[in-house]
Amino acid sequence: MAIKDMSVVLAHGAWADGSSWARVITALKTEALKVLAAPLPLTSLAKDVVAQEAFCDLSAENSSKSG
């Protein structure tokens, strides 16, 4: 698999949000990677897992429509 075909999904931890990945996202994008930072509700681990899975599913669906 070529690096241009790879995607990276980042999940933030507690007391943070997706913007905490800004510098990492910039660095990975310079390497031609598709990078996404999932917004998580941080209300419970179970809800975070559901949100992460839904985000990945939606991202994959959108990617297949555009590619």
PDB file of N, CA and C in Angstrom:
ATOM      1  N   MET A   1       0.854  -1.181   0.000  1.00  0.00           N
ATOM      2  CA  MET A   1       0.000   0.000   0.000  1.00  0.00           C
ATOM      3  C   MET A   1       0.895   1.237   0.000  1.00  0.00           C
ATOM      4  N   ALA A   2       0.624   2.114  -0.924  1.00  0.00           N
ATOM      5  CA  ALA A   2       1.372   3.371  -0.992  1.00  0.00           C
ATOM      6  C   ALA A   2       0.926   4.305   0.121  1.00  0.00           C
ATOM      7  N   ILE A   3       1.840   5.121   0.586  1.00  0.00           N
ATOM      8  CA  ILE A   3       1.528   6.044   1.685  1.00  0.00           C
ATOM      9  C   ILE A   3       0.391   6.989   1.297  1.00  0.00           C
ATOM     10  N   LYS A   4       0.280   7.339   0.012  1.00  0.00           N
ATOM     11  CA  LYS A   4      -0.788   8.248  -0.416  1.00  0.00           C
ATOM     12  C   LYS A   4      -2.170   7.614  -0.274  1.00  0.00           C
ATOM     13  N   ASP A   5      -2.216   6.300  -0.134  1.00  0.00           N
ATOM     14  CA  ASP A   5      -3.485   5.594   0.019  1.00  0.00           C
ATOM     15  C   ASP A   5      -3.856   5.367   1.482  1.00  0.00           C
ATOM     16  N   MET A   6      -3.035   5.855   2.392  1.00  0.00           N
ATOM     17  CA  MET A   6      -3.262   5.613   3.812  1.00  0.00           C
ATOM     18  C   MET A   6      -4.011   6.766   4.463  1.00  0.00           C
ATOM     19  N   SER A   7      -4.796   6.410   5.469  1.00  0.00           N
ATOM     20  CA  SER A   7      -5.511   7.399   6.275  1.00  0.00           C
ATOM     21  C   SER A   7      -5.142   7.189   7.736  1.00  0.00           C
ATOM     22  N   VAL A   8      -5.136   8.284   8.469  1.00  0.00           N
ATOM     23  CA  VAL A   8      -4.855   8.241   9.904  1.00  0.00           C
ATOM     24  C   VAL A   8      -6.028   8.902  10.612  1.00  0.00           C
ATOM     25  N   VAL A   9      -6.597   8.201  11.585  1.00  0.00           N
ATOM     26  CA  VAL A   9      -7.676   8.768  12.393  1.00  0.00           C
ATOM     27  C   VAL A   9      -7.131   8.951  13.803  1.00  0.00           C
ATOM     28  N   LEU A  10      -7.190  10.178  14.283  1.00  0.00           N
ATOM     29  CA  LEU A  10      -6.675  10.511  15.612  1.00  0.00           C
ATOM     30  C   LEU A  10      -7.834  10.706  16.585  1.00  0.00           C
ATOM     31  N   ALA A  11      -7.669  10.192  17.776  1.00  0.00           N
ATOM     32  CA  ALA A  11      -8.684  10.348  18.820  1.00  0.00           C
ATOM     33  C   ALA A  11      -8.024  11.025  20.021  1.00  0.00           C
ATOM     34  N   HIS A  12      -8.607  12.115  20.462  1.00  0.00           N
ATOM     35  CA  HIS A  12      -8.049  12.844  21.600  1.00  0.00           C
ATOM     36  C   HIS A  12      -8.442  12.184  22.906  1.00  0.00           C
ATOM     37  N   GLY A  13      -7.737  12.524  23.941  1.00  0.00           N
ATOM     38  CA  GLY A  13      -8.030  12.000  25.265  1.00  0.00           C
ATOM     39  C   GLY A  13      -8.862  12.984  26.068  1.00  0.00           C
ATOM     40  N   ALA A  14      -9.026  12.672  27.303  1.00  0.00           N
ATOM     41  CA  ALA A  14      -9.807  13.528  28.201  1.00  0.00           C
ATOM     42  C   ALA A  14      -9.182  14.912  28.323  1.00  0.00           C
ATOM     43  N   TRP A  15      -9.973  15.888  28.594  1.00  0.00           N
ATOM     44  CA  TRP A  15      -9.569  17.287  28.773  1.00  0.00           C
ATOM     45  C   TRP A  15      -8.921  17.869  27.514  1.00  0.00           C
ATOM     46  N   ALA A  16      -9.347  17.386  26.346  1.00  0.00           N
ATOM     47  CA  ALA A  16      -8.816  17.891  25.079  1.00  0.00           C
ATOM     48  C   ALA A  16      -9.917  17.806  24.034  1.00  0.00           C
ATOM     49  N   ASP A  17      -9.620  18.326  22.866  1.00  0.00           N
ATOM     50  CA  ASP A  17     -10.518  18.137  21.724  1.00  0.00           C
ATOM     51  C   ASP A  17      -9.658  17.916  20.494  1.00  0.00           C
ATOM     52  N   GLY A  18     -10.270  17.788  19.355  1.00  0.00           N
ATOM     53  CA  GLY A  18      -9.545  17.482  18.130  1.00  0.00           C
ATOM     54  C   GLY A  18      -8.481  18.497  17.777  1.00  0.00           C
ATOM     55  N   SER A  19      -8.629  19.730  18.236  1.00  0.00           N
ATOM     56  CA  SER A  19      -7.637  20.758  17.916  1.00  0.00           C
ATOM     57  C   SER A  19      -6.273  20.473  18.565  1.00  0.00           C
ATOM     58  N   SER A  20      -6.259  19.609  19.567  1.00  0.00           N
ATOM     59  CA  SER A  20      -4.989  19.272  20.207  1.00  0.00           C
ATOM     60  C   SER A  20      -4.058  18.516  19.255  1.00  0.00           C
ATOM     61  N   TRP A  21      -4.608  18.014  18.165  1.00  0.00           N
ATOM     62  CA  TRP A  21      -3.820  17.291  17.170  1.00  0.00           C
ATOM     63  C   TRP A  21      -3.317  18.189  16.044  1.00  0.00           C
ATOM     64  N   ALA A  22      -3.526  19.487  16.096  1.00  0.00           N
ATOM     65  CA  ALA A  22      -3.236  20.389  14.978  1.00  0.00           C
ATOM     66  C   ALA A  22      -1.806  20.231  14.443  1.00  0.00           C
ATOM     67  N   ARG A  23      -0.823  20.229  15.291  1.00  0.00           N
ATOM     68  CA  ARG A  23       0.567  20.125  14.826  1.00  0.00           C
ATOM     69  C   ARG A  23       0.852  18.755  14.222  1.00  0.00           C
ATOM     70  N   VAL A  24       0.276  17.715  14.805  1.00  0.00           N
ATOM     71  CA  VAL A  24       0.459  16.359  14.279  1.00  0.00           C
ATOM     72  C   VAL A  24      -0.214  16.241  12.913  1.00  0.00           C
ATOM     73  N   ILE A  25      -1.420  16.781  12.795  1.00  0.00           N
ATOM     74  CA  ILE A  25      -2.139  16.740  11.521  1.00  0.00           C
ATOM     75  C   ILE A  25      -1.329  17.437  10.431  1.00  0.00           C
ATOM     76  N   THR A  26      -0.798  18.605  10.742  1.00  0.00           N
ATOM     77  CA  THR A  26       0.004  19.346   9.769  1.00  0.00           C
ATOM     78  C   THR A  26       1.210  18.519   9.317  1.00  0.00           C
ATOM     79  N   ALA A  27       1.898  17.914  10.258  1.00  0.00           N
ATOM     80  CA  ALA A  27       3.076  17.104   9.928  1.00  0.00           C
ATOM     81  C   ALA A  27       2.705  15.894   9.070  1.00  0.00           C
ATOM     82  N   LEU A  28       1.622  15.224   9.418  1.00  0.00           N
ATOM     83  CA  LEU A  28       1.218  14.049   8.643  1.00  0.00           C
ATOM     84  C   LEU A  28       0.743  14.431   7.242  1.00  0.00           C
ATOM     85  N   LYS A  29       0.054  15.546   7.130  1.00  0.00           N
ATOM     86  CA  LYS A  29      -0.406  15.983   5.810  1.00  0.00           C
ATOM     87  C   LYS A  29       0.758  16.341   4.898  1.00  0.00           C
ATOM     88  N   THR A  30       1.851  16.820   5.454  1.00  0.00           N
ATOM     89  CA  THR A  30       3.017  17.112   4.618  1.00  0.00           C
ATOM     90  C   THR A  30       3.614  15.836   4.035  1.00  0.00           C
ATOM     91  N   GLU A  31       3.271  14.702   4.628  1.00  0.00           N
ATOM     92  CA  GLU A  31       3.707  13.393   4.119  1.00  0.00           C
ATOM     93  C   GLU A  31       2.658  12.779   3.196  1.00  0.00           C
ATOM     94  N   ALA A  32       1.672  13.579   2.790  1.00  0.00           N
ATOM     95  CA  ALA A  32       0.619  13.168   1.850  1.00  0.00           C
ATOM     96  C   ALA A  32      -0.346  12.134   2.438  1.00  0.00           C
ATOM     97  N   LEU A  33      -0.495  12.118   3.737  1.00  0.00           N
ATOM     98  CA  LEU A  33      -1.455  11.230   4.380  1.00  0.00           C
ATOM     99  C   LEU A  33      -2.797  11.943   4.534  1.00  0.00           C
ATOM    100  N   LYS A  34      -3.862  11.180   4.449  1.00  0.00           N
ATOM    101  CA  LYS A  34      -5.189  11.722   4.761  1.00  0.00           C
ATOM    102  C   LYS A  34      -5.329  11.611   6.273  1.00  0.00           C
ATOM    103  N   VAL A  35      -5.625  12.726   6.932  1.00  0.00           N
ATOM    104  CA  VAL A  35      -5.663  12.755   8.393  1.00  0.00           C
ATOM    105  C   VAL A  35      -7.001  13.315   8.863  1.00  0.00           C
ATOM    106  N   LEU A  36      -7.602  12.630   9.822  1.00  0.00           N
ATOM    107  CA  LEU A  36      -8.866  13.052  10.406  1.00  0.00           C
ATOM    108  C   LEU A  36      -8.750  13.014  11.922  1.00  0.00           C
ATOM    109  N   ALA A  37      -9.363  13.983  12.576  1.00  0.00           N
ATOM    110  CA  ALA A  37      -9.409  13.989  14.038  1.00  0.00           C
ATOM    111  C   ALA A  37     -10.874  13.870  14.450  1.00  0.00           C
ATOM    112  N   ALA A  38     -11.185  12.778  15.081  1.00  0.00           N
ATOM    113  CA  ALA A  38     -12.571  12.498  15.458  1.00  0.00           C
ATOM    114  C   ALA A  38     -13.006  13.337  16.654  1.00  0.00           C
ATOM    115  N   PRO A  39     -14.174  13.970  16.554  1.00  0.00           N
ATOM    116  CA  PRO A  39     -14.715  14.691  17.712  1.00  0.00           C
ATOM    117  C   PRO A  39     -15.392  13.693  18.658  1.00  0.00           C
ATOM    118  N   LEU A  40     -14.976  13.671  19.878  1.00  0.00           N
ATOM    119  CA  LEU A  40     -15.531  12.733  20.851  1.00  0.00           C
ATOM    120  C   LEU A  40     -16.269  13.491  21.952  1.00  0.00           C
ATOM    121  N   PRO A  41     -17.389  12.939  22.431  1.00  0.00           N
ATOM    122  CA  PRO A  41     -18.194  13.654  23.425  1.00  0.00           C
ATOM    123  C   PRO A  41     -17.599  13.678  24.831  1.00  0.00           C
ATOM    124  N   LEU A  42     -16.735  12.718  25.153  1.00  0.00           N
ATOM    125  CA  LEU A  42     -16.106  12.626  26.476  1.00  0.00           C
ATOM    126  C   LEU A  42     -17.110  12.501  27.618  1.00  0.00           C
ATOM    127  N   THR A  43     -18.252  11.892  27.327  1.00  0.00           N
ATOM    128  CA  THR A  43     -19.228  11.667  28.400  1.00  0.00           C
ATOM    129  C   THR A  43     -19.047  10.297  29.039  1.00  0.00           C
ATOM    130  N   SER A  44     -18.579   9.332  28.242  1.00  0.00           N
ATOM    131  CA  SER A  44     -18.257   8.006  28.761  1.00  0.00           C
ATOM    132  C   SER A  44     -17.427   7.288  27.706  1.00  0.00           C
ATOM    133  N   LEU A  45     -16.701   6.261  28.125  1.00  0.00           N
ATOM    134  CA  LEU A  45     -15.908   5.493  27.172  1.00  0.00           C
ATOM    135  C   LEU A  45     -16.816   4.865  26.121  1.00  0.00           C
ATOM    136  N   ALA A  46     -17.945   4.318  26.538  1.00  0.00           N
ATOM    137  CA  ALA A  46     -18.857   3.677  25.600  1.00  0.00           C
ATOM    138  C   ALA A  46     -19.346   4.661  24.536  1.00  0.00           C
ATOM    139  N   LYS A  47     -19.698   5.877  24.953  1.00  0.00           N
ATOM    140  CA  LYS A  47     -20.169   6.884  23.994  1.00  0.00           C
ATOM    141  C   LYS A  47     -19.030   7.364  23.096  1.00  0.00           C
ATOM    142  N   ASP A  48     -17.821   7.431  23.630  1.00  0.00           N
ATOM    143  CA  ASP A  48     -16.672   7.802  22.810  1.00  0.00           C
ATOM    144  C   ASP A  48     -16.409   6.747  21.736  1.00  0.00           C
ATOM    145  N   VAL A  49     -16.528   5.474  22.102  1.00  0.00           N
ATOM    146  CA  VAL A  49     -16.325   4.387  21.139  1.00  0.00           C
ATOM    147  C   VAL A  49     -17.379   4.459  20.035  1.00  0.00           C
ATOM    148  N   VAL A  50     -18.630   4.665  20.410  1.00  0.00           N
ATOM    149  CA  VAL A  50     -19.702   4.786  19.418  1.00  0.00           C
ATOM    150  C   VAL A  50     -19.446   5.974  18.495  1.00  0.00           C
ATOM    151  N   ALA A  51     -19.048   7.103  19.067  1.00  0.00           N
ATOM    152  CA  ALA A  51     -18.774   8.296  18.264  1.00  0.00           C
ATOM    153  C   ALA A  51     -17.591   8.063  17.328  1.00  0.00           C
ATOM    154  N   GLN A  52     -16.541   7.414  17.810  1.00  0.00           N
ATOM    155  CA  GLN A  52     -15.359   7.128  16.979  1.00  0.00           C
ATOM    156  C   GLN A  52     -15.737   6.209  15.825  1.00  0.00           C
ATOM    157  N   GLU A  53     -16.510   5.174  16.103  1.00  0.00           N
ATOM    158  CA  GLU A  53     -16.930   4.241  15.054  1.00  0.00           C
ATOM    159  C   GLU A  53     -17.809   4.934  14.016  1.00  0.00           C
ATOM    160  N   ALA A  54     -18.731   5.760  14.469  1.00  0.00           N
ATOM    161  CA  ALA A  54     -19.615   6.483  13.547  1.00  0.00           C
ATOM    162  C   ALA A  54     -18.804   7.447  12.688  1.00  0.00           C
ATOM    163  N   PHE A  55     -17.845   8.119  13.289  1.00  0.00           N
ATOM    164  CA  PHE A  55     -16.985   9.048  12.557  1.00  0.00           C
ATOM    165  C   PHE A  55     -16.201   8.310  11.476  1.00  0.00           C
ATOM    166  N   CYS A  56     -15.623   7.167  11.830  1.00  0.00           N
ATOM    167  CA  CYS A  56     -14.859   6.379  10.856  1.00  0.00           C
ATOM    168  C   CYS A  56     -15.747   5.855   9.740  1.00  0.00           C
ATOM    169  N   ASP A  57     -16.938   5.385  10.084  1.00  0.00           N
ATOM    170  CA  ASP A  57     -17.879   4.901   9.071  1.00  0.00           C
ATOM    171  C   ASP A  57     -18.263   6.013   8.109  1.00  0.00           C
ATOM    172  N   LEU A  58     -18.578   7.183   8.635  1.00  0.00           N
ATOM    173  CA  LEU A  58     -18.967   8.313   7.800  1.00  0.00           C
ATOM    174  C   LEU A  58     -17.801   8.781   6.925  1.00  0.00           C
ATOM    175  N   SER A  59     -16.617   8.808   7.489  1.00  0.00           N
ATOM    176  CA  SER A  59     -15.433   9.213   6.734  1.00  0.00           C
ATOM    177  C   SER A  59     -15.155   8.235   5.591  1.00  0.00           C
ATOM    178  N   ALA A  60     -15.302   6.940   5.873  1.00  0.00           N
ATOM    179  CA  ALA A  60     -15.078   5.929   4.836  1.00  0.00           C
ATOM    180  C   ALA A  60     -16.129   6.028   3.740  1.00  0.00           C
ATOM    181  N   GLU A  61     -17.361   6.281   4.140  1.00  0.00           N
ATOM    182  CA  GLU A  61     -18.451   6.431   3.169  1.00  0.00           C
ATOM    183  C   GLU A  61     -18.198   7.642   2.282  1.00  0.00           C
ATOM    184  N   ASN A  62     -17.824   8.758   2.870  1.00  0.00           N
ATOM    185  CA  ASN A  62     -17.548   9.969   2.103  1.00  0.00           C
ATOM    186  C   ASN A  62     -16.338   9.784   1.189  1.00  0.00           C
ATOM    187  N   SER A  63     -15.345   9.054   1.670  1.00  0.00           N
ATOM    188  CA  SER A  63     -14.142   8.812   0.877  1.00  0.00           C
ATOM    189  C   SER A  63     -14.457   7.953  -0.341  1.00  0.00           C
ATOM    190  N   SER A  64     -15.306   6.945  -0.159  1.00  0.00           N
ATOM    191  CA  SER A  64     -15.645   6.070  -1.283  1.00  0.00           C
ATOM    192  C   SER A  64     -16.488   6.800  -2.326  1.00  0.00           C
ATOM    193  N   LYS A  65     -17.269   7.774  -1.904  1.00  0.00           N
ATOM    194  CA  LYS A  65     -18.082   8.554  -2.852  1.00  0.00           C
ATOM    195  C   LYS A  65     -17.228   9.521  -3.662  1.00  0.00           C
ATOM    196  N   SER A  66     -16.162  10.043  -3.034  1.00  0.00           N
ATOM    197  CA  SER A  66     -15.329  11.032  -3.714  1.00  0.00           C
ATOM    198  C   SER A  66     -14.170  10.393  -4.466  1.00  0.00           C
ATOM    199  N   GLY A  67     -13.893   9.135  -4.197  1.00  0.00           N
ATOM    200  CA  GLY A  67     -12.724   8.514  -4.803  1.00  0.00           C
ATOM    201  C   GLY A  67     -13.086   7.512  -5.794  1.00  0.00           C
TER     202      GLY A  67
END
